[in-house]
Amino acid sequence: MASNPGHCLWSGIVPPDRAGLVAARLMREDMWSGWGIRTLSADHPAYNPYSYQRGAVWPHDNGLIAEGFTRYGYAREAGEIAHGVLEAGSFFVLNQLPELYAGLHRSASNFPVQYLGANVPQAWAAGSVFSLLYAILGLQPDAPSKTLFVDPVLPSWLDDVTLKDLHLGERIFDIRFWRTGEETRFEVVNGDPAAVARREIMVWRDLMTRREEGASPEGVSA
């Protein structure tokens, strides 16, 4: 058991009726460290939380998995991944996420330990923050139709966030998202409000799947 199946969710190749099993398995305690999903199960004989590929946590790995969770409608779990990774980042100098860190089980008395020799800063580790935001906000860019669809689900630990200078083709937006109870709302602060619309992520997933299979959805740019 490794983190790779999460990449299958990200790519969209997992049948919808199996996606829940994959997501639930990745969030079990042997895979979920509390600081992120490990590369290898803690129950595996080869597991070593300090190993490069046999138990450490990679931020970019978790960013892809979070996007995969959102793609199949598991926004709550995506928010949990984002929380773990971003809180881990707060323990490192200047909040810079290292290339990877140890997959130790999180407790009240420990903290994430940087992998010896990990690159800091590191581009794909820094890029994971954008993946995590992408997942939380359910962004669905449709450049051909000049429309940005969103399906935001802000987790309980993130009440308000604003994206600035967001480009979609020639359009540029500033968009604020905030939580009201269990609902996430949004407002286009700068840019054309008519070019940003709410759409369920499952619709986008089905459109993307059809596109990847070579079909052309009638009247819809995926």
N, C-alpha and C. Protein backbone atom coordinates (compact mmCIF):
# COMPACT_ATOMS: atom_id res chain seq x y z
N MET A 1 0.85 -1.19 0.00
CA MET A 1 0.00 0.00 0.00
C MET A 1 0.88 1.23 0.00
N ALA A 2 0.73 2.06 -1.02
CA ALA A 2 1.53 3.27 -1.18
C ALA A 2 0.62 4.43 -1.57
N SER A 3 1.20 5.61 -1.74
CA SER A 3 0.40 6.80 -2.05
C SER A 3 0.02 6.88 -3.53
N ASN A 4 0.61 6.04 -4.36
CA ASN A 4 0.39 6.11 -5.81
C ASN A 4 -1.08 6.07 -6.23
N PRO A 5 -1.94 5.25 -5.57
CA PRO A 5 -3.35 5.26 -5.99
C PRO A 5 -4.00 6.64 -5.92
N GLY A 6 -3.47 7.51 -5.07
CA GLY A 6 -4.00 8.87 -5.02
C GLY A 6 -3.76 9.62 -6.32
N HIS A 7 -2.66 9.28 -7.01
CA HIS A 7 -2.40 9.89 -8.31
C HIS A 7 -3.42 9.41 -9.34
N CYS A 8 -3.91 8.19 -9.15
CA CYS A 8 -4.94 7.67 -10.05
C CYS A 8 -6.23 8.47 -9.91
N LEU A 9 -6.54 8.90 -8.69
CA LEU A 9 -7.69 9.78 -8.49
C LEU A 9 -7.46 11.10 -9.21
N TRP A 10 -6.27 11.64 -9.07
CA TRP A 10 -5.94 12.93 -9.71
C TRP A 10 -6.09 12.84 -11.22
N SER A 11 -5.67 11.73 -11.80
CA SER A 11 -5.72 11.58 -13.26
C SER A 11 -7.12 11.26 -13.76
N GLY A 12 -8.01 10.80 -12.86
CA GLY A 12 -9.37 10.50 -13.26
C GLY A 12 -9.59 9.10 -13.79
N ILE A 13 -8.61 8.20 -13.65
CA ILE A 13 -8.76 6.86 -14.23
C ILE A 13 -9.47 5.88 -13.30
N VAL A 14 -9.75 6.29 -12.07
CA VAL A 14 -10.46 5.41 -11.13
C VAL A 14 -11.95 5.47 -11.41
N PRO A 15 -12.63 4.35 -11.60
CA PRO A 15 -14.09 4.37 -11.78
C PRO A 15 -14.75 5.00 -10.55
N PRO A 16 -15.77 5.83 -10.75
CA PRO A 16 -16.41 6.52 -9.63
C PRO A 16 -16.86 5.60 -8.51
N ASP A 17 -17.28 4.37 -8.85
CA ASP A 17 -17.76 3.48 -7.79
C ASP A 17 -16.63 2.91 -6.94
N ARG A 18 -15.38 3.14 -7.33
CA ARG A 18 -14.25 2.67 -6.55
C ARG A 18 -13.50 3.81 -5.85
N ALA A 19 -13.80 5.03 -6.23
CA ALA A 19 -13.04 6.17 -5.72
C ALA A 19 -13.15 6.29 -4.20
N GLY A 20 -14.33 6.03 -3.66
CA GLY A 20 -14.51 6.13 -2.21
C GLY A 20 -13.63 5.16 -1.45
N LEU A 21 -13.45 3.96 -2.00
CA LEU A 21 -12.59 2.97 -1.37
C LEU A 21 -11.14 3.44 -1.35
N VAL A 22 -10.70 4.04 -2.46
CA VAL A 22 -9.33 4.54 -2.55
C VAL A 22 -9.11 5.67 -1.55
N ALA A 23 -10.04 6.62 -1.51
CA ALA A 23 -9.91 7.77 -0.61
C ALA A 23 -9.89 7.31 0.85
N ALA A 24 -10.80 6.41 1.20
CA ALA A 24 -10.87 5.93 2.58
C ALA A 24 -9.60 5.18 2.97
N ARG A 25 -9.07 4.41 2.03
CA ARG A 25 -7.85 3.64 2.33
C ARG A 25 -6.66 4.56 2.56
N LEU A 26 -6.55 5.60 1.79
CA LEU A 26 -5.43 6.53 1.93
C LEU A 26 -5.50 7.32 3.24
N MET A 27 -6.70 7.46 3.81
CA MET A 27 -6.86 8.23 5.04
C MET A 27 -6.82 7.35 6.28
N ARG A 28 -6.56 6.06 6.13
CA ARG A 28 -6.40 5.21 7.31
C ARG A 28 -5.09 5.53 8.00
N GLU A 29 -4.99 5.19 9.29
CA GLU A 29 -3.87 5.64 10.12
C GLU A 29 -2.51 5.18 9.62
N ASP A 30 -2.44 4.03 8.95
CA ASP A 30 -1.13 3.57 8.48
C ASP A 30 -0.61 4.41 7.32
N MET A 31 -1.53 5.11 6.61
CA MET A 31 -1.11 5.98 5.51
C MET A 31 -1.13 7.46 5.90
N TRP A 32 -2.13 7.84 6.69
CA TRP A 32 -2.28 9.24 7.09
C TRP A 32 -1.47 9.48 8.35
N SER A 33 -0.43 10.33 8.26
CA SER A 33 0.45 10.58 9.40
C SER A 33 -0.08 11.68 10.33
N GLY A 34 -1.00 12.49 9.82
CA GLY A 34 -1.43 13.68 10.54
C GLY A 34 -0.76 14.92 9.98
N TRP A 35 0.40 14.71 9.34
CA TRP A 35 1.12 15.79 8.66
C TRP A 35 1.01 15.62 7.14
N GLY A 36 0.28 14.61 6.71
CA GLY A 36 0.17 14.31 5.29
C GLY A 36 0.13 12.80 5.07
N ILE A 37 -0.12 12.41 3.83
CA ILE A 37 -0.17 10.99 3.48
C ILE A 37 1.24 10.50 3.18
N ARG A 38 1.60 9.37 3.77
CA ARG A 38 2.94 8.79 3.59
C ARG A 38 3.08 8.16 2.21
N THR A 39 4.32 8.01 1.76
CA THR A 39 4.57 7.32 0.49
C THR A 39 4.36 5.82 0.62
N LEU A 40 4.48 5.27 1.83
CA LEU A 40 4.33 3.83 2.05
C LEU A 40 3.64 3.59 3.39
N SER A 41 2.80 2.57 3.43
CA SER A 41 2.06 2.25 4.65
C SER A 41 3.00 1.95 5.82
N ALA A 42 2.61 2.44 6.99
CA ALA A 42 3.39 2.17 8.20
C ALA A 42 3.30 0.70 8.59
N ASP A 43 2.38 -0.05 8.02
CA ASP A 43 2.25 -1.48 8.29
C ASP A 43 3.13 -2.34 7.39
N HIS A 44 3.76 -1.72 6.41
CA HIS A 44 4.60 -2.47 5.48
C HIS A 44 5.93 -2.83 6.14
N PRO A 45 6.46 -4.03 5.92
CA PRO A 45 7.73 -4.43 6.55
C PRO A 45 8.90 -3.49 6.21
N ALA A 46 8.83 -2.85 5.04
CA ALA A 46 9.92 -1.96 4.62
C ALA A 46 9.74 -0.52 5.08
N TYR A 47 8.66 -0.25 5.81
CA TYR A 47 8.37 1.12 6.21
C TYR A 47 9.47 1.72 7.07
N ASN A 48 9.82 2.95 6.73
CA ASN A 48 10.77 3.74 7.51
C ASN A 48 10.36 5.19 7.34
N PRO A 49 9.88 5.86 8.38
CA PRO A 49 9.39 7.23 8.24
C PRO A 49 10.44 8.21 7.76
N TYR A 50 11.71 7.84 7.90
CA TYR A 50 12.79 8.73 7.47
C TYR A 50 13.30 8.39 6.07
N SER A 51 12.69 7.39 5.42
CA SER A 51 13.15 6.95 4.11
C SER A 51 12.56 7.81 2.99
N TYR A 52 13.37 8.02 1.97
CA TYR A 52 12.99 8.87 0.84
C TYR A 52 11.68 8.42 0.21
N GLN A 53 11.52 7.12 -0.07
CA GLN A 53 10.35 6.61 -0.77
C GLN A 53 9.59 5.56 0.04
N ARG A 54 10.00 5.30 1.26
CA ARG A 54 9.40 4.20 2.03
C ARG A 54 8.76 4.67 3.32
N GLY A 55 8.14 5.84 3.26
CA GLY A 55 7.40 6.28 4.43
C GLY A 55 7.41 7.76 4.71
N ALA A 56 8.22 8.53 3.98
CA ALA A 56 8.23 9.98 4.18
C ALA A 56 6.98 10.61 3.59
N VAL A 57 6.77 11.88 3.88
CA VAL A 57 5.64 12.65 3.33
C VAL A 57 6.19 13.68 2.36
N TRP A 58 5.63 13.67 1.15
CA TRP A 58 6.01 14.64 0.12
C TRP A 58 4.87 15.64 -0.06
N PRO A 59 5.11 16.94 0.12
CA PRO A 59 4.03 17.92 -0.07
C PRO A 59 3.40 17.86 -1.46
N HIS A 60 4.22 17.74 -2.51
CA HIS A 60 3.63 17.75 -3.86
C HIS A 60 2.80 16.49 -4.10
N ASP A 61 3.21 15.39 -3.52
CA ASP A 61 2.46 14.14 -3.59
C ASP A 61 1.07 14.36 -2.99
N ASN A 62 1.02 15.02 -1.85
CA ASN A 62 -0.24 15.29 -1.17
C ASN A 62 -1.09 16.31 -1.92
N GLY A 63 -0.45 17.25 -2.59
CA GLY A 63 -1.20 18.21 -3.40
C GLY A 63 -1.96 17.53 -4.52
N LEU A 64 -1.29 16.60 -5.19
CA LEU A 64 -1.95 15.85 -6.27
C LEU A 64 -3.09 15.00 -5.72
N ILE A 65 -2.85 14.36 -4.58
CA ILE A 65 -3.88 13.51 -3.99
C ILE A 65 -5.10 14.35 -3.58
N ALA A 66 -4.86 15.52 -3.00
CA ALA A 66 -5.97 16.40 -2.61
C ALA A 66 -6.79 16.79 -3.83
N GLU A 67 -6.13 17.11 -4.94
CA GLU A 67 -6.86 17.42 -6.17
C GLU A 67 -7.69 16.22 -6.61
N GLY A 68 -7.12 15.02 -6.46
CA GLY A 68 -7.84 13.81 -6.82
C GLY A 68 -9.05 13.59 -5.95
N PHE A 69 -8.90 13.85 -4.65
CA PHE A 69 -10.03 13.71 -3.73
C PHE A 69 -11.17 14.64 -4.16
N THR A 70 -10.82 15.90 -4.44
CA THR A 70 -11.83 16.87 -4.85
C THR A 70 -12.50 16.45 -6.15
N ARG A 71 -11.72 15.92 -7.07
CA ARG A 71 -12.25 15.51 -8.37
C ARG A 71 -13.40 14.52 -8.23
N TYR A 72 -13.33 13.69 -7.18
CA TYR A 72 -14.37 12.68 -6.97
C TYR A 72 -15.37 13.06 -5.87
N GLY A 73 -15.30 14.32 -5.42
CA GLY A 73 -16.29 14.79 -4.46
C GLY A 73 -15.93 14.64 -3.01
N TYR A 74 -14.65 14.36 -2.70
CA TYR A 74 -14.24 14.19 -1.31
C TYR A 74 -13.52 15.45 -0.83
N ALA A 75 -14.29 16.54 -0.79
CA ALA A 75 -13.72 17.84 -0.44
C ALA A 75 -13.28 17.89 1.02
N ARG A 76 -14.02 17.24 1.91
CA ARG A 76 -13.65 17.27 3.33
C ARG A 76 -12.27 16.66 3.54
N GLU A 77 -12.02 15.52 2.90
CA GLU A 77 -10.72 14.86 3.03
C GLU A 77 -9.62 15.71 2.39
N ALA A 78 -9.93 16.37 1.29
CA ALA A 78 -8.95 17.26 0.66
C ALA A 78 -8.55 18.38 1.61
N GLY A 79 -9.54 18.92 2.33
CA GLY A 79 -9.25 19.97 3.31
C GLY A 79 -8.41 19.46 4.46
N GLU A 80 -8.62 18.22 4.84
CA GLU A 80 -7.82 17.63 5.92
C GLU A 80 -6.37 17.47 5.49
N ILE A 81 -6.16 17.05 4.25
CA ILE A 81 -4.79 16.93 3.73
C ILE A 81 -4.13 18.31 3.72
N ALA A 82 -4.86 19.30 3.22
CA ALA A 82 -4.30 20.65 3.15
C ALA A 82 -3.92 21.15 4.55
N HIS A 83 -4.76 20.88 5.52
CA HIS A 83 -4.47 21.32 6.89
C HIS A 83 -3.19 20.68 7.41
N GLY A 84 -3.05 19.37 7.21
CA GLY A 84 -1.87 18.68 7.70
C GLY A 84 -0.59 19.20 7.08
N VAL A 85 -0.58 19.36 5.76
CA VAL A 85 0.62 19.80 5.06
C VAL A 85 0.96 21.24 5.42
N LEU A 86 -0.03 22.12 5.43
CA LEU A 86 0.24 23.53 5.73
C LEU A 86 0.67 23.74 7.18
N GLU A 87 0.11 22.96 8.09
CA GLU A 87 0.56 23.06 9.48
C GLU A 87 1.99 22.53 9.61
N ALA A 88 2.33 21.49 8.88
CA ALA A 88 3.71 21.00 8.88
C ALA A 88 4.65 22.10 8.41
N GLY A 89 4.24 22.83 7.38
CA GLY A 89 5.07 23.92 6.86
C GLY A 89 5.37 24.99 7.87
N SER A 90 4.47 25.19 8.82
CA SER A 90 4.66 26.25 9.82
C SER A 90 5.82 25.94 10.76
N PHE A 91 6.31 24.70 10.78
CA PHE A 91 7.42 24.33 11.65
C PHE A 91 8.78 24.57 11.00
N PHE A 92 8.80 24.88 9.72
CA PHE A 92 10.06 25.05 9.02
C PHE A 92 10.39 26.54 8.85
N VAL A 93 11.66 26.85 8.71
CA VAL A 93 12.12 28.24 8.62
C VAL A 93 11.40 28.96 7.48
N LEU A 94 10.88 30.15 7.77
CA LEU A 94 10.18 30.99 6.81
C LEU A 94 8.96 30.31 6.21
N ASN A 95 8.43 29.30 6.89
CA ASN A 95 7.26 28.55 6.40
C ASN A 95 7.51 27.90 5.04
N GLN A 96 8.76 27.62 4.73
CA GLN A 96 9.09 27.01 3.44
C GLN A 96 8.99 25.49 3.54
N LEU A 97 8.13 24.91 2.72
CA LEU A 97 7.98 23.46 2.72
C LEU A 97 9.21 22.81 2.09
N PRO A 98 9.81 21.85 2.77
CA PRO A 98 10.93 21.13 2.18
C PRO A 98 10.43 20.13 1.15
N GLU A 99 11.36 19.59 0.40
CA GLU A 99 11.03 18.58 -0.62
C GLU A 99 10.23 17.43 -0.02
N LEU A 100 10.60 17.00 1.17
CA LEU A 100 9.89 15.96 1.90
C LEU A 100 10.27 16.01 3.37
N TYR A 101 9.44 15.39 4.21
CA TYR A 101 9.74 15.31 5.64
C TYR A 101 9.28 13.95 6.16
N ALA A 102 9.74 13.61 7.34
CA ALA A 102 9.50 12.28 7.90
C ALA A 102 8.02 12.01 8.10
N GLY A 103 7.64 10.77 7.86
CA GLY A 103 6.25 10.37 8.00
C GLY A 103 5.90 9.90 9.39
N LEU A 104 6.46 10.54 10.40
CA LEU A 104 6.17 10.19 11.80
C LEU A 104 4.71 10.44 12.11
N HIS A 105 4.14 9.62 12.98
CA HIS A 105 2.75 9.81 13.37
C HIS A 105 2.63 11.08 14.22
N ARG A 106 1.72 11.95 13.87
CA ARG A 106 1.55 13.21 14.56
C ARG A 106 0.98 13.00 15.96
N SER A 107 1.56 13.70 16.93
CA SER A 107 1.03 13.69 18.29
C SER A 107 1.22 15.09 18.88
N ALA A 108 0.70 15.27 20.08
CA ALA A 108 0.79 16.58 20.72
C ALA A 108 2.21 16.92 21.14
N SER A 109 3.10 15.94 21.15
CA SER A 109 4.46 16.17 21.66
C SER A 109 5.54 16.09 20.60
N ASN A 110 5.16 15.97 19.30
CA ASN A 110 6.22 15.91 18.29
C ASN A 110 5.99 16.96 17.21
N PHE A 111 6.84 16.95 16.21
CA PHE A 111 6.76 17.93 15.13
C PHE A 111 7.37 17.30 13.88
N PRO A 112 7.06 17.82 12.68
CA PRO A 112 7.60 17.25 11.45
C PRO A 112 9.11 17.44 11.37
N VAL A 113 9.79 16.42 10.90
CA VAL A 113 11.26 16.44 10.80
C VAL A 113 11.66 16.43 9.33
N GLN A 114 12.43 17.42 8.94
CA GLN A 114 12.87 17.50 7.55
C GLN A 114 13.76 16.33 7.17
N TYR A 115 13.56 15.79 5.98
CA TYR A 115 14.41 14.73 5.47
C TYR A 115 15.83 15.26 5.29
N LEU A 116 16.81 14.51 5.74
CA LEU A 116 18.19 14.94 5.63
C LEU A 116 18.58 15.06 4.15
N GLY A 117 18.98 16.23 3.74
CA GLY A 117 19.37 16.45 2.35
C GLY A 117 18.24 16.94 1.46
N ALA A 118 17.05 17.15 2.04
CA ALA A 118 15.92 17.64 1.25
C ALA A 118 16.20 19.05 0.75
N ASN A 119 15.77 19.35 -0.45
CA ASN A 119 15.92 20.70 -1.00
C ASN A 119 14.93 21.65 -0.33
N VAL A 120 15.43 22.81 0.10
CA VAL A 120 14.60 23.85 0.70
C VAL A 120 15.17 25.20 0.28
N PRO A 121 14.42 26.06 -0.38
CA PRO A 121 13.08 25.78 -0.90
C PRO A 121 13.16 24.83 -2.10
N GLN A 122 12.02 24.29 -2.46
CA GLN A 122 11.95 23.35 -3.57
C GLN A 122 10.68 23.63 -4.36
N ALA A 123 10.80 23.69 -5.68
CA ALA A 123 9.71 24.22 -6.52
C ALA A 123 8.42 23.41 -6.39
N TRP A 124 8.50 22.10 -6.49
CA TRP A 124 7.23 21.37 -6.47
C TRP A 124 6.65 21.28 -5.07
N ALA A 125 7.48 21.42 -4.04
CA ALA A 125 6.95 21.50 -2.68
C ALA A 125 6.20 22.82 -2.50
N ALA A 126 6.80 23.93 -2.98
CA ALA A 126 6.12 25.23 -2.91
C ALA A 126 4.85 25.20 -3.75
N GLY A 127 4.91 24.54 -4.91
CA GLY A 127 3.75 24.45 -5.79
C GLY A 127 2.59 23.68 -5.20
N SER A 128 2.88 22.84 -4.20
CA SER A 128 1.80 22.06 -3.58
C SER A 128 0.76 22.97 -2.94
N VAL A 129 1.18 24.15 -2.49
CA VAL A 129 0.23 25.09 -1.87
C VAL A 129 -0.85 25.47 -2.88
N PHE A 130 -0.46 25.66 -4.14
CA PHE A 130 -1.43 26.00 -5.18
C PHE A 130 -2.35 24.81 -5.48
N SER A 131 -1.79 23.61 -5.46
CA SER A 131 -2.62 22.42 -5.66
C SER A 131 -3.65 22.29 -4.54
N LEU A 132 -3.22 22.54 -3.32
CA LEU A 132 -4.13 22.42 -2.18
C LEU A 132 -5.25 23.47 -2.25
N LEU A 133 -4.90 24.70 -2.63
CA LEU A 133 -5.92 25.73 -2.81
C LEU A 133 -6.87 25.38 -3.95
N TYR A 134 -6.29 24.87 -5.03
CA TYR A 134 -7.07 24.45 -6.20
C TYR A 134 -8.12 23.43 -5.77
N ALA A 135 -7.70 22.50 -4.91
CA ALA A 135 -8.61 21.45 -4.44
C ALA A 135 -9.69 22.02 -3.53
N ILE A 136 -9.31 22.85 -2.58
CA ILE A 136 -10.27 23.40 -1.62
C ILE A 136 -11.33 24.27 -2.30
N LEU A 137 -10.90 25.02 -3.31
CA LEU A 137 -11.81 25.96 -3.97
C LEU A 137 -12.55 25.34 -5.15
N GLY A 138 -12.20 24.12 -5.51
CA GLY A 138 -12.89 23.45 -6.61
C GLY A 138 -12.81 24.21 -7.91
N LEU A 139 -11.63 24.73 -8.24
CA LEU A 139 -11.48 25.54 -9.44
C LEU A 139 -11.59 24.67 -10.70
N GLN A 140 -12.35 25.17 -11.67
CA GLN A 140 -12.57 24.45 -12.93
C GLN A 140 -12.41 25.44 -14.08
N PRO A 141 -11.18 25.74 -14.49
CA PRO A 141 -10.96 26.73 -15.54
C PRO A 141 -11.44 26.23 -16.90
N ASP A 142 -12.20 27.04 -17.58
CA ASP A 142 -12.70 26.73 -18.93
C ASP A 142 -12.32 27.88 -19.83
N ALA A 143 -11.06 27.91 -20.24
CA ALA A 143 -10.55 29.03 -21.03
C ALA A 143 -11.28 29.21 -22.35
N PRO A 144 -11.63 28.14 -23.10
CA PRO A 144 -12.32 28.36 -24.38
C PRO A 144 -13.62 29.14 -24.25
N SER A 145 -14.34 28.92 -23.17
CA SER A 145 -15.60 29.66 -22.97
C SER A 145 -15.41 30.89 -22.11
N LYS A 146 -14.14 31.17 -21.74
CA LYS A 146 -13.78 32.35 -20.96
C LYS A 146 -14.55 32.39 -19.62
N THR A 147 -14.69 31.21 -19.02
CA THR A 147 -15.44 31.10 -17.77
C THR A 147 -14.64 30.31 -16.74
N LEU A 148 -14.66 30.78 -15.51
CA LEU A 148 -14.08 30.03 -14.41
C LEU A 148 -15.22 29.48 -13.57
N PHE A 149 -15.34 28.15 -13.51
CA PHE A 149 -16.33 27.52 -12.65
C PHE A 149 -15.66 27.18 -11.32
N VAL A 150 -16.42 27.26 -10.25
CA VAL A 150 -15.89 26.97 -8.92
C VAL A 150 -16.88 26.12 -8.15
N ASP A 151 -16.37 25.31 -7.25
CA ASP A 151 -17.20 24.54 -6.32
C ASP A 151 -16.48 24.52 -4.98
N PRO A 152 -16.41 25.68 -4.32
CA PRO A 152 -15.57 25.82 -3.11
C PRO A 152 -16.17 25.14 -1.89
N VAL A 153 -15.30 24.50 -1.11
CA VAL A 153 -15.69 23.95 0.19
C VAL A 153 -14.57 24.30 1.16
N LEU A 154 -14.68 25.47 1.79
CA LEU A 154 -13.65 25.86 2.74
C LEU A 154 -13.78 25.00 4.00
N PRO A 155 -12.67 24.43 4.47
CA PRO A 155 -12.70 23.64 5.70
C PRO A 155 -12.88 24.53 6.92
N SER A 156 -13.15 23.91 8.05
CA SER A 156 -13.45 24.67 9.27
C SER A 156 -12.29 25.54 9.73
N TRP A 157 -11.05 25.17 9.35
CA TRP A 157 -9.89 25.93 9.80
C TRP A 157 -9.56 27.11 8.89
N LEU A 158 -10.31 27.28 7.81
CA LEU A 158 -10.04 28.36 6.86
C LEU A 158 -11.36 29.08 6.57
N ASP A 159 -11.57 30.21 7.23
CA ASP A 159 -12.84 30.93 7.13
C ASP A 159 -12.92 31.87 5.94
N ASP A 160 -11.77 32.36 5.48
CA ASP A 160 -11.79 33.42 4.47
C ASP A 160 -10.49 33.38 3.68
N VAL A 161 -10.58 33.43 2.36
CA VAL A 161 -9.37 33.47 1.53
C VAL A 161 -9.69 34.25 0.26
N THR A 162 -8.72 35.04 -0.20
CA THR A 162 -8.89 35.82 -1.43
C THR A 162 -7.78 35.49 -2.41
N LEU A 163 -8.17 35.14 -3.62
CA LEU A 163 -7.22 34.93 -4.71
C LEU A 163 -7.08 36.24 -5.47
N LYS A 164 -5.84 36.66 -5.70
CA LYS A 164 -5.61 37.90 -6.42
C LYS A 164 -4.81 37.62 -7.70
N ASP A 165 -5.12 38.39 -8.73
CA ASP A 165 -4.40 38.32 -10.00
C ASP A 165 -4.48 36.92 -10.60
N LEU A 166 -5.67 36.34 -10.56
CA LEU A 166 -5.90 35.01 -11.11
C LEU A 166 -6.22 35.15 -12.61
N HIS A 167 -5.42 34.52 -13.45
CA HIS A 167 -5.56 34.66 -14.90
C HIS A 167 -6.30 33.48 -15.50
N LEU A 168 -7.23 33.78 -16.39
CA LEU A 168 -7.92 32.77 -17.19
C LEU A 168 -7.96 33.31 -18.61
N GLY A 169 -7.04 32.83 -19.47
CA GLY A 169 -6.91 33.43 -20.78
C GLY A 169 -6.53 34.90 -20.63
N GLU A 170 -7.33 35.77 -21.23
CA GLU A 170 -7.06 37.21 -21.13
C GLU A 170 -7.78 37.85 -19.94
N ARG A 171 -8.57 37.07 -19.24
CA ARG A 171 -9.30 37.61 -18.10
C ARG A 171 -8.46 37.53 -16.81
N ILE A 172 -8.63 38.51 -15.94
CA ILE A 172 -7.92 38.55 -14.67
C ILE A 172 -8.94 38.81 -13.56
N PHE A 173 -8.82 38.03 -12.48
CA PHE A 173 -9.80 38.13 -11.40
C PHE A 173 -9.12 38.29 -10.04
N ASP A 174 -9.83 38.95 -9.14
CA ASP A 174 -9.61 38.84 -7.70
C ASP A 174 -10.92 38.27 -7.16
N ILE A 175 -10.83 37.14 -6.43
CA ILE A 175 -12.04 36.48 -5.95
C ILE A 175 -11.89 36.18 -4.47
N ARG A 176 -12.90 36.57 -3.70
CA ARG A 176 -12.91 36.29 -2.27
C ARG A 176 -13.86 35.11 -2.00
N PHE A 177 -13.40 34.18 -1.16
CA PHE A 177 -14.22 33.06 -0.71
C PHE A 177 -14.32 33.12 0.81
N TRP A 178 -15.51 32.83 1.36
CA TRP A 178 -15.66 32.83 2.81
C TRP A 178 -16.74 31.84 3.22
N ARG A 179 -16.62 31.41 4.48
CA ARG A 179 -17.56 30.44 5.02
C ARG A 179 -18.67 31.15 5.80
N THR A 180 -19.91 30.69 5.58
CA THR A 180 -21.05 31.11 6.37
C THR A 180 -21.73 29.84 6.87
N GLY A 181 -21.46 29.47 8.11
CA GLY A 181 -21.93 28.18 8.59
C GLY A 181 -21.22 27.06 7.85
N GLU A 182 -21.99 26.18 7.23
CA GLU A 182 -21.41 25.08 6.46
C GLU A 182 -21.29 25.42 4.98
N GLU A 183 -21.74 26.61 4.60
CA GLU A 183 -21.75 27.00 3.19
C GLU A 183 -20.55 27.89 2.88
N THR A 184 -19.97 27.70 1.69
CA THR A 184 -18.89 28.57 1.22
C THR A 184 -19.43 29.47 0.12
N ARG A 185 -19.26 30.75 0.30
CA ARG A 185 -19.71 31.73 -0.69
C ARG A 185 -18.51 32.37 -1.36
N PHE A 186 -18.77 33.07 -2.46
CA PHE A 186 -17.67 33.77 -3.15
C PHE A 186 -18.18 35.05 -3.77
N GLU A 187 -17.23 35.97 -3.99
CA GLU A 187 -17.53 37.26 -4.59
C GLU A 187 -16.38 37.65 -5.50
N VAL A 188 -16.69 38.08 -6.71
CA VAL A 188 -15.67 38.57 -7.63
C VAL A 188 -15.39 40.02 -7.27
N VAL A 189 -14.24 40.25 -6.67
CA VAL A 189 -13.87 41.60 -6.22
C VAL A 189 -13.36 42.44 -7.38
N ASN A 190 -12.65 41.79 -8.30
CA ASN A 190 -12.10 42.48 -9.47
C ASN A 190 -12.25 41.55 -10.67
N GLY A 191 -12.75 42.08 -11.78
CA GLY A 191 -12.98 41.27 -12.97
C GLY A 191 -14.47 41.16 -13.25
N ASP A 192 -14.81 40.44 -14.29
CA ASP A 192 -16.20 40.30 -14.72
C ASP A 192 -16.91 39.23 -13.87
N PRO A 193 -17.87 39.63 -13.04
CA PRO A 193 -18.57 38.64 -12.20
C PRO A 193 -19.31 37.59 -13.01
N ALA A 194 -19.74 37.94 -14.22
CA ALA A 194 -20.48 37.00 -15.05
C ALA A 194 -19.60 35.87 -15.57
N ALA A 195 -18.28 36.04 -15.48
CA ALA A 195 -17.35 35.04 -15.99
C ALA A 195 -16.94 34.03 -14.93
N VAL A 196 -17.51 34.15 -13.73
CA VAL A 196 -17.23 33.20 -12.65
C VAL A 196 -18.56 32.63 -12.18
N ALA A 197 -18.68 31.29 -12.21
CA ALA A 197 -19.95 30.66 -11.87
C ALA A 197 -19.72 29.42 -11.04
N ARG A 198 -20.71 29.08 -10.22
CA ARG A 198 -20.64 27.86 -9.40
C ARG A 198 -21.10 26.67 -10.24
N ARG A 199 -20.33 25.58 -10.17
CA ARG A 199 -20.71 24.34 -10.82
C ARG A 199 -20.17 23.17 -10.01
N GLU A 200 -20.98 22.16 -9.82
CA GLU A 200 -20.54 21.02 -9.03
C GLU A 200 -19.32 20.36 -9.67
N ILE A 201 -18.36 20.00 -8.84
CA ILE A 201 -17.11 19.43 -9.33
C ILE A 201 -17.35 18.12 -10.08
N MET A 202 -18.42 17.41 -9.73
CA MET A 202 -18.70 16.14 -10.38
C MET A 202 -19.05 16.34 -11.85
N VAL A 203 -19.68 17.47 -12.17
CA VAL A 203 -19.99 17.79 -13.56
C VAL A 203 -18.69 17.97 -14.33
N TRP A 204 -17.78 18.72 -13.74
CA TRP A 204 -16.47 18.94 -14.38
C TRP A 204 -15.72 17.63 -14.56
N ARG A 205 -15.77 16.77 -13.53
CA ARG A 205 -15.08 15.48 -13.63
C ARG A 205 -15.61 14.66 -14.79
N ASP A 206 -16.93 14.63 -14.94
CA ASP A 206 -17.52 13.85 -16.03
C ASP A 206 -17.17 14.44 -17.39
N LEU A 207 -17.15 15.77 -17.48
CA LEU A 207 -16.77 16.42 -18.74
C LEU A 207 -15.32 16.12 -19.09
N MET A 208 -14.44 16.19 -18.09
CA MET A 208 -13.03 15.91 -18.32
C MET A 208 -12.82 14.46 -18.73
N THR A 209 -13.56 13.56 -18.11
CA THR A 209 -13.43 12.14 -18.45
C THR A 209 -13.83 11.90 -19.89
N ARG A 210 -14.92 12.51 -20.31
CA ARG A 210 -15.37 12.35 -21.69
C ARG A 210 -14.35 12.92 -22.67
N ARG A 211 -13.75 14.05 -22.28
CA ARG A 211 -12.75 14.66 -23.15
C ARG A 211 -11.52 13.77 -23.27
N GLU A 212 -11.10 13.20 -22.13
CA GLU A 212 -9.92 12.34 -22.14
C GLU A 212 -10.16 11.06 -22.92
N GLU A 213 -11.44 10.66 -22.99
CA GLU A 213 -11.78 9.46 -23.75
C GLU A 213 -12.01 9.75 -25.23
N GLY A 214 -11.89 11.04 -25.60
CA GLY A 214 -11.98 11.41 -26.99
C GLY A 214 -13.36 11.89 -27.43
N ALA A 215 -14.30 11.99 -26.49
CA ALA A 215 -15.64 12.45 -26.83
C ALA A 215 -15.69 13.97 -26.78
N SER A 216 -16.68 14.56 -27.48
CA SER A 216 -16.86 16.01 -27.48
C SER A 216 -18.23 16.32 -26.91
N PRO A 217 -18.28 16.74 -25.65
CA PRO A 217 -19.59 17.08 -25.06
C PRO A 217 -20.27 18.17 -25.85
N GLU A 218 -21.53 17.96 -26.23
CA GLU A 218 -22.25 18.92 -27.04
C GLU A 218 -22.49 20.21 -26.28
N GLY A 219 -22.08 21.30 -26.90
CA GLY A 219 -22.37 22.60 -26.34
C GLY A 219 -21.58 22.97 -25.12
N VAL A 220 -20.57 22.15 -24.77
CA VAL A 220 -19.79 22.42 -23.56
C VAL A 220 -18.32 22.35 -23.88
N SER A 221 -17.57 23.36 -23.45
CA SER A 221 -16.11 23.31 -23.56
C SER A 221 -15.55 22.79 -22.26
N ALA A 222 -14.91 21.63 -22.29
CA ALA A 222 -14.38 21.05 -21.06
C ALA A 222 -13.01 21.58 -20.75
